[in-house]
Amino acid sequence: MISVLTKLRRHDGMRRLGKSLEKWSKSGLYRLLSVYPRSPRRASPLALDGVQRVLLVRPNFRLGNAVMGARLVESIGHERPGIEVDYLGTDTTEQLFRGMGISRYHAYSRTMSLRPWRFMSMILALRKEHYDLAIQVGEGSLTSWLLTQLSGAKKTLGQSGKLQNTYDWLLEGKTRHAYELASAIAHPLGLKCESLPWMLISEQEHERAANLIDRSSNEGVIGVFVGGHLDKRLPLEFWQTLIHRLDELGDNYLIMIGPEEEQYREELERYCGPSGQVLPLMPIREFAAVLNTEKSRKFSPRGIADRVIFRPTADEVAEILLASPLVQSPSARAEHMLDRKMSFRRF
């Protein structure tokens, strides 16, 4: 029964239906709450005065969104170590947050819509924590807004917009790039946070990541991340063709899979050749240690050697990889990584 429910909730058609229902629900809720009498206030560093326990709310099932939430966890932990941070995420991303310094992780599941008693149990558990502050780490999510409101926190923070009458707010409008979200929340609170999904990894985390890799990566290795959401996801056949092309070229490569792509693992492991390896799902920090349309561009990489391509063939991807200065020149690769480390330390 559980496997059937899992297949249903991961089916693209069911996800699109969920998106449509959410859009319809949002429209009605916005009209209802437009007459809410509360006057919101813009958040400032004073919002953290006296706060001992904070709940970050980001119930999203994608790896990229988990990275954005993780940046804010790190920022609070580094800048305000006296504040205890809990996180409300999803069941599929829970293991990604191991080692992040979170006191308690609350896991939201899609199956809760079919098992409302589990949803109510989670809400009761949240309210028993008596949070001083709950922060909605997202833009326009009806689910995250609802969970923030039901958390029972003394104060709530969110984004300026249609629901701003229901909480104090942090952001003026939408961010220009997805990776700016964490810093856009942190800066009004007086916290330092870089606008990049960049983490400083400990030697122990580097060692654990190295132990996962069958061959040495000192000479360079190509990372292939199988991901994408709904219509942005490339088909399995594309990744199989790309793997075959990389095997022909003889380059070492690592295949990484996010929590929503676990269904492809067995097939990719079977297809992977002698030059490649499929890595297990791992915490975000260890994941980072291994890697060291207009709307789509919002989520595009911004490094000097990054390339954005739309609907590419496997051969086009392989050619771009081979032409990259970071593959052709070890000195360019070392300089590129040094530049990013120096950029991080300036903050």
Protein backbone atom coordinates (compact mmCIF):
# COMPACT_ATOMS: atom_id res chain seq x y z
CA MET A 1 0.00 0.00 0.00
CA ILE A 2 2.83 2.40 0.90
CA SER A 3 4.60 1.74 -2.41
CA VAL A 4 1.39 2.48 -4.32
CA LEU A 5 0.97 5.80 -2.50
CA THR A 6 4.60 6.67 -3.18
CA LYS A 7 4.18 6.03 -6.91
CA LEU A 8 1.01 8.12 -6.95
CA ARG A 9 2.57 11.12 -5.23
CA ARG A 10 5.62 10.98 -7.49
CA HIS A 11 3.54 10.71 -10.66
CA ASP A 12 3.91 13.86 -12.78
CA GLY A 13 0.18 14.01 -13.44
CA MET A 14 -0.62 13.94 -9.72
CA ARG A 15 1.94 16.68 -9.07
CA ARG A 16 0.41 18.86 -11.76
CA LEU A 17 -3.03 18.26 -10.25
CA GLY A 18 -1.62 19.27 -6.87
CA LYS A 19 -0.19 22.44 -8.38
CA SER A 20 -3.56 23.31 -9.91
CA LEU A 21 -5.40 22.71 -6.62
CA GLU A 22 -2.85 24.81 -4.77
CA LYS A 23 -3.26 27.67 -7.24
CA TRP A 24 -7.05 27.55 -6.85
CA SER A 25 -6.76 27.42 -3.05
CA LYS A 26 -4.35 30.35 -3.01
CA SER A 27 -6.71 32.52 -5.02
CA GLY A 28 -9.58 31.94 -2.57
CA LEU A 29 -7.38 32.36 0.49
CA TYR A 30 -5.89 35.62 -0.76
CA ARG A 31 -9.37 37.08 -1.17
CA LEU A 32 -10.40 35.89 2.29
CA LEU A 33 -7.34 37.27 4.08
CA SER A 34 -7.27 40.58 2.23
CA VAL A 35 -9.60 41.97 4.91
CA TYR A 36 -7.43 40.72 7.81
CA PRO A 37 -7.27 43.68 10.26
CA ARG A 38 -3.65 43.23 11.43
CA SER A 39 -1.06 45.80 10.36
CA PRO A 40 2.26 44.15 9.41
CA ARG A 41 5.66 45.57 10.32
CA ARG A 42 8.93 45.34 8.47
CA ALA A 43 11.34 43.02 10.30
CA SER A 44 14.62 44.28 11.75
CA PRO A 45 17.45 42.84 13.91
CA LEU A 46 15.20 43.57 16.88
CA ALA A 47 13.08 40.60 15.80
CA LEU A 48 15.76 38.31 17.26
CA ASP A 49 15.91 40.06 20.65
CA GLY A 50 15.00 37.62 23.38
CA VAL A 51 14.58 34.75 20.89
CA GLN A 52 15.86 31.43 22.22
CA ARG A 53 14.13 29.02 19.85
CA VAL A 54 13.39 29.58 16.17
CA LEU A 55 11.59 27.37 13.65
CA LEU A 56 12.51 27.60 9.96
CA VAL A 57 9.67 26.45 7.68
CA ARG A 58 10.52 25.13 4.19
CA PRO A 59 8.36 22.04 3.37
CA ASN A 60 9.78 21.48 -0.11
CA PHE A 61 10.83 18.11 -1.54
CA ARG A 62 13.60 19.34 -3.85
CA LEU A 63 17.33 19.20 -3.10
CA GLY A 64 17.94 22.74 -4.40
CA ASN A 65 15.37 24.22 -2.03
CA ALA A 66 16.92 22.29 0.85
CA VAL A 67 20.26 23.96 0.04
CA MET A 68 18.64 27.40 0.33
CA GLY A 69 17.22 26.53 3.74
CA ALA A 70 20.55 25.11 4.84
CA ARG A 71 22.30 28.43 4.12
CA LEU A 72 19.97 30.18 6.59
CA VAL A 73 20.55 27.46 9.20
CA GLU A 74 24.30 28.06 8.90
CA SER A 75 23.87 31.82 9.07
CA ILE A 76 21.88 31.75 12.32
CA GLY A 77 24.18 29.14 13.85
CA HIS A 78 27.28 31.20 13.07
CA GLU A 79 25.94 34.68 13.88
CA ARG A 80 23.66 33.85 16.81
CA PRO A 81 24.97 30.62 18.39
CA GLY A 82 22.77 31.11 21.44
CA ILE A 83 19.60 30.55 19.37
CA GLU A 84 18.34 26.98 19.05
CA VAL A 85 17.24 26.25 15.47
CA ASP A 86 14.62 23.69 14.47
CA TYR A 87 13.58 22.96 10.89
CA LEU A 88 10.26 21.99 9.33
CA GLY A 89 11.04 20.25 6.06
CA THR A 90 9.86 17.11 4.29
CA ASP A 91 10.31 13.40 4.84
CA THR A 92 12.32 12.96 1.62
CA THR A 93 14.85 15.69 2.51
CA GLU A 94 15.27 14.93 6.22
CA GLN A 95 18.53 13.00 5.83
CA LEU A 96 20.01 15.88 3.84
CA PHE A 97 20.08 18.02 7.00
CA ARG A 98 22.18 15.70 9.13
CA GLY A 99 25.19 17.46 10.55
CA MET A 100 23.66 20.94 10.03
CA GLY A 101 23.37 21.77 13.74
CA ILE A 102 19.57 21.54 13.83
CA SER A 103 18.10 20.67 17.23
CA ARG A 104 14.99 19.00 15.88
CA TYR A 105 13.68 18.23 12.40
CA HIS A 106 9.93 18.09 11.76
CA ALA A 107 9.05 16.10 8.63
CA TYR A 108 6.04 16.99 6.50
CA SER A 109 4.85 14.29 4.08
CA ARG A 110 2.61 14.34 1.02
CA THR A 111 0.81 11.32 2.46
CA MET A 112 -0.55 13.53 5.24
CA SER A 113 -3.30 14.67 2.88
CA LEU A 114 -4.56 11.07 2.95
CA ARG A 115 -3.76 10.58 6.64
CA PRO A 116 -4.91 13.79 8.37
CA TRP A 117 -4.28 12.31 11.82
CA ARG A 118 -0.56 12.35 11.05
CA PHE A 119 -0.80 15.99 10.04
CA MET A 120 -2.58 16.88 13.28
CA SER A 121 0.01 14.95 15.28
CA MET A 122 2.79 16.99 13.66
CA ILE A 123 0.98 20.28 14.38
CA LEU A 124 0.49 19.31 18.04
CA ALA A 125 4.19 18.42 18.29
CA LEU A 126 5.09 21.83 16.83
CA ARG A 127 2.88 23.72 19.26
CA LYS A 128 4.35 21.87 22.24
CA GLU A 129 7.78 23.31 21.36
CA HIS A 130 6.61 26.89 22.19
CA TYR A 131 8.78 28.59 19.56
CA ASP A 132 9.66 32.25 20.04
CA LEU A 133 9.85 32.82 16.30
CA ALA A 134 8.83 31.00 13.08
CA ILE A 135 10.26 32.11 9.73
CA GLN A 136 8.74 31.10 6.41
CA VAL A 137 11.77 30.32 4.20
CA GLY A 138 10.02 30.43 0.87
CA GLU A 139 8.13 32.54 -1.61
CA GLY A 140 4.42 32.13 -2.13
CA SER A 141 4.02 28.60 -0.77
CA LEU A 142 0.55 28.10 0.65
CA THR A 143 1.67 24.99 2.54
CA SER A 144 4.59 26.73 4.23
CA TRP A 145 2.40 29.72 5.11
CA LEU A 146 -0.20 27.43 6.71
CA LEU A 147 2.41 25.50 8.72
CA THR A 148 4.03 28.74 9.87
CA GLN A 149 0.68 29.99 11.12
CA LEU A 150 -0.22 26.72 12.83
CA SER A 151 3.17 26.34 14.53
CA GLY A 152 2.03 28.33 17.56
CA ALA A 153 5.14 30.55 17.50
CA LYS A 154 4.92 33.86 19.38
CA LYS A 155 6.10 35.78 16.30
CA THR A 156 6.02 34.89 12.60
CA LEU A 157 7.96 36.35 9.69
CA GLY A 158 7.34 36.00 5.97
CA GLN A 159 7.47 37.80 2.65
CA SER A 160 5.83 41.08 1.75
CA GLY A 161 2.89 40.29 -0.53
CA LYS A 162 -0.69 39.12 -0.59
CA LEU A 163 -0.47 37.45 2.84
CA GLN A 164 1.58 40.13 4.58
CA ASN A 165 -1.34 41.08 6.85
CA THR A 166 -0.90 37.78 8.67
CA TYR A 167 2.74 38.21 9.82
CA ASP A 168 5.63 40.65 10.00
CA TRP A 169 7.68 40.58 6.83
CA LEU A 170 11.27 40.38 5.72
CA LEU A 171 11.37 40.68 1.93
CA GLU A 172 10.35 43.49 -0.40
CA GLY A 173 8.90 41.67 -3.39
CA LYS A 174 10.63 38.70 -5.02
CA THR A 175 14.34 38.02 -5.18
CA ARG A 176 16.08 38.24 -8.58
CA HIS A 177 17.83 34.90 -8.17
CA ALA A 178 16.81 31.83 -6.18
CA TYR A 179 20.11 31.71 -4.28
CA GLU A 180 19.50 35.23 -2.92
CA LEU A 181 16.57 34.03 -0.81
CA ALA A 182 18.55 33.03 2.28
CA SER A 183 20.58 36.25 2.32
CA ALA A 184 17.46 38.35 1.67
CA ILE A 185 15.96 36.88 4.85
CA ALA A 186 19.17 37.01 6.89
CA HIS A 187 20.24 40.59 6.16
CA PRO A 188 17.14 42.38 7.59
CA LEU A 189 17.73 40.36 10.77
CA GLY A 190 21.31 41.62 10.99
CA LEU A 191 22.82 38.28 9.95
CA LYS A 192 25.62 37.74 7.43
CA CYS A 193 24.79 35.30 4.65
CA GLU A 194 26.28 34.90 1.18
CA SER A 195 24.01 34.80 -1.89
CA LEU A 196 25.51 31.52 -3.11
CA PRO A 197 24.89 27.85 -2.23
CA TRP A 198 28.43 27.73 -0.83
CA MET A 199 29.51 25.93 2.35
CA LEU A 200 32.82 25.61 4.14
CA ILE A 201 33.38 21.89 4.63
CA SER A 202 35.40 20.36 7.46
CA GLU A 203 38.29 17.95 6.87
CA GLN A 204 36.22 15.14 8.38
CA GLU A 205 33.41 15.78 5.88
CA HIS A 206 35.92 15.82 3.02
CA GLU A 207 37.29 12.48 4.23
CA ARG A 208 33.83 10.91 4.45
CA ALA A 209 33.03 12.13 0.95
CA ALA A 210 36.34 10.81 -0.39
CA ASN A 211 35.59 7.39 1.10
CA LEU A 212 32.41 7.23 -0.98
CA ILE A 213 34.33 7.56 -4.24
CA ASP A 214 35.83 4.40 -5.74
CA ARG A 215 38.63 6.19 -7.60
CA SER A 216 40.82 9.21 -6.96
CA SER A 217 39.39 12.57 -8.02
CA ASN A 218 42.71 14.41 -7.81
CA GLU A 219 42.98 14.53 -11.60
CA GLY A 220 39.43 15.82 -11.96
CA VAL A 221 36.06 14.11 -12.18
CA ILE A 222 32.81 15.07 -13.91
CA GLY A 223 29.77 15.39 -11.67
CA VAL A 224 26.39 14.50 -13.20
CA PHE A 225 23.37 15.52 -11.14
CA VAL A 226 20.12 13.87 -12.22
CA GLY A 227 17.39 16.28 -11.22
CA GLY A 228 14.71 18.65 -12.37
CA HIS A 229 11.13 19.39 -11.46
CA LEU A 230 8.17 18.22 -13.57
CA ASP A 231 8.54 19.71 -17.09
CA LYS A 232 12.13 20.78 -16.36
CA ARG A 233 13.25 17.19 -15.80
CA LEU A 234 15.14 15.52 -18.63
CA PRO A 235 14.01 11.94 -19.43
CA LEU A 236 15.89 8.89 -18.21
CA GLU A 237 16.96 8.12 -21.78
CA PHE A 238 18.91 11.38 -21.89
CA TRP A 239 20.98 10.43 -18.84
CA GLN A 240 21.58 6.94 -20.21
CA THR A 241 22.88 8.42 -23.48
CA LEU A 242 25.09 10.90 -21.62
CA ILE A 243 26.53 8.11 -19.43
CA HIS A 244 27.28 6.05 -22.54
CA ARG A 245 29.03 9.06 -24.14
CA LEU A 246 31.16 9.67 -21.02
CA ASP A 247 32.15 5.99 -20.97
CA GLU A 248 33.29 6.32 -24.59
CA LEU A 249 35.38 9.37 -23.72
CA GLY A 250 36.95 7.54 -20.77
CA ASP A 251 36.47 10.40 -18.29
CA ASN A 252 35.79 9.57 -14.65
CA TYR A 253 32.32 10.69 -13.59
CA LEU A 254 30.06 10.62 -10.56
CA ILE A 255 26.27 10.39 -10.79
CA MET A 256 24.40 12.14 -7.98
CA ILE A 257 20.70 11.72 -7.30
CA GLY A 258 18.38 13.92 -5.25
CA PRO A 259 15.59 12.63 -2.99
CA GLU A 260 12.97 12.97 -5.74
CA GLU A 261 15.04 10.94 -8.24
CA GLU A 262 15.59 7.83 -6.14
CA GLN A 263 13.26 5.97 -8.51
CA TYR A 264 15.99 6.16 -11.18
CA ARG A 265 18.80 4.78 -9.01
CA GLU A 266 18.53 1.08 -9.90
CA GLU A 267 18.36 1.77 -13.64
CA LEU A 268 21.29 4.20 -13.55
CA GLU A 269 23.43 1.81 -11.50
CA ARG A 270 22.77 -0.91 -14.06
CA TYR A 271 23.71 1.40 -16.93
CA CYS A 272 26.78 2.96 -15.30
CA GLY A 273 30.07 1.89 -16.94
CA PRO A 274 33.57 1.31 -15.51
CA SER A 275 34.44 5.02 -15.54
CA GLY A 276 31.47 6.04 -13.44
CA GLN A 277 29.83 5.59 -10.07
CA VAL A 278 26.37 6.33 -8.68
CA LEU A 279 26.71 7.94 -5.25
CA PRO A 280 24.24 7.32 -2.42
CA LEU A 281 21.93 10.06 -1.16
CA MET A 282 23.89 11.93 1.50
CA PRO A 283 23.60 14.97 3.80
CA ILE A 284 23.90 18.35 2.10
CA ARG A 285 27.32 19.10 3.56
CA GLU A 286 28.77 15.81 2.33
CA PHE A 287 27.05 16.37 -1.00
CA ALA A 288 28.85 19.73 -1.17
CA ALA A 289 32.14 18.06 -0.25
CA VAL A 290 31.82 15.74 -3.27
CA LEU A 291 31.13 18.63 -5.64
CA ASN A 292 33.37 21.35 -4.35
CA THR A 293 12.85 30.67 -20.14
CA GLU A 294 13.34 33.72 -17.81
CA LYS A 295 12.02 31.83 -14.81
CA SER A 296 14.52 29.05 -15.41
CA ARG A 297 17.37 31.58 -15.46
CA LYS A 298 16.45 32.49 -11.89
CA PHE A 299 17.81 29.09 -10.84
CA SER A 300 20.80 29.06 -13.18
CA PRO A 301 24.43 28.85 -11.92
CA ARG A 302 26.41 32.08 -11.85
CA GLY A 303 30.07 30.97 -11.80
CA ILE A 304 32.58 32.18 -14.38
CA ALA A 305 32.76 28.73 -16.00
CA ASP A 306 29.04 27.89 -15.79
CA ARG A 307 26.98 27.42 -18.95
CA VAL A 308 23.20 27.43 -19.24
CA ILE A 309 21.78 25.27 -22.04
CA PHE A 310 18.17 24.54 -22.93
CA ARG A 311 16.98 21.12 -24.09
CA PRO A 312 20.45 19.87 -24.99
CA THR A 313 21.39 16.55 -26.47
CA ALA A 314 23.77 14.27 -24.57
CA ASP A 315 26.51 14.95 -27.16
CA GLU A 316 26.14 18.72 -26.69
CA VAL A 317 26.57 18.35 -22.93
CA ALA A 318 29.67 16.20 -23.38
CA GLU A 319 31.21 18.69 -25.82
CA ILE A 320 30.61 21.62 -23.47
CA LEU A 321 32.17 19.71 -20.59
CA LEU A 322 35.27 18.92 -22.63
CA ALA A 323 35.61 22.56 -23.75
CA SER A 324 35.37 23.93 -20.20
CA PRO A 325 38.59 25.58 -18.96
CA LEU A 326 38.06 23.80 -15.65
CA VAL A 327 38.41 20.45 -17.41
CA GLN A 328 41.16 21.47 -19.83
CA SER A 329 43.41 23.24 -17.33
CA PRO A 330 44.14 22.09 -13.74
CA SER A 331 45.60 25.53 -12.99
CA ALA A 332 42.38 27.25 -14.11
CA ARG A 333 40.39 24.86 -11.94
CA ALA A 334 42.55 25.62 -8.89
CA GLU A 335 42.32 29.38 -9.51
CA HIS A 336 38.55 29.19 -9.95
CA MET A 337 38.06 27.38 -6.63
CA LEU A 338 40.44 29.80 -4.87
CA ASP A 339 38.46 32.77 -6.18
CA ARG A 340 35.25 31.35 -4.76
CA LYS A 341 36.83 30.67 -1.38
CA MET A 342 38.21 34.21 -1.23
CA SER A 343 34.80 35.57 -2.20
CA PHE A 344 33.20 33.68 0.66
CA ARG A 345 35.71 34.93 3.23
CA ARG A 346 35.04 38.56 2.38
CA PHE A 347 31.64 38.34 4.08
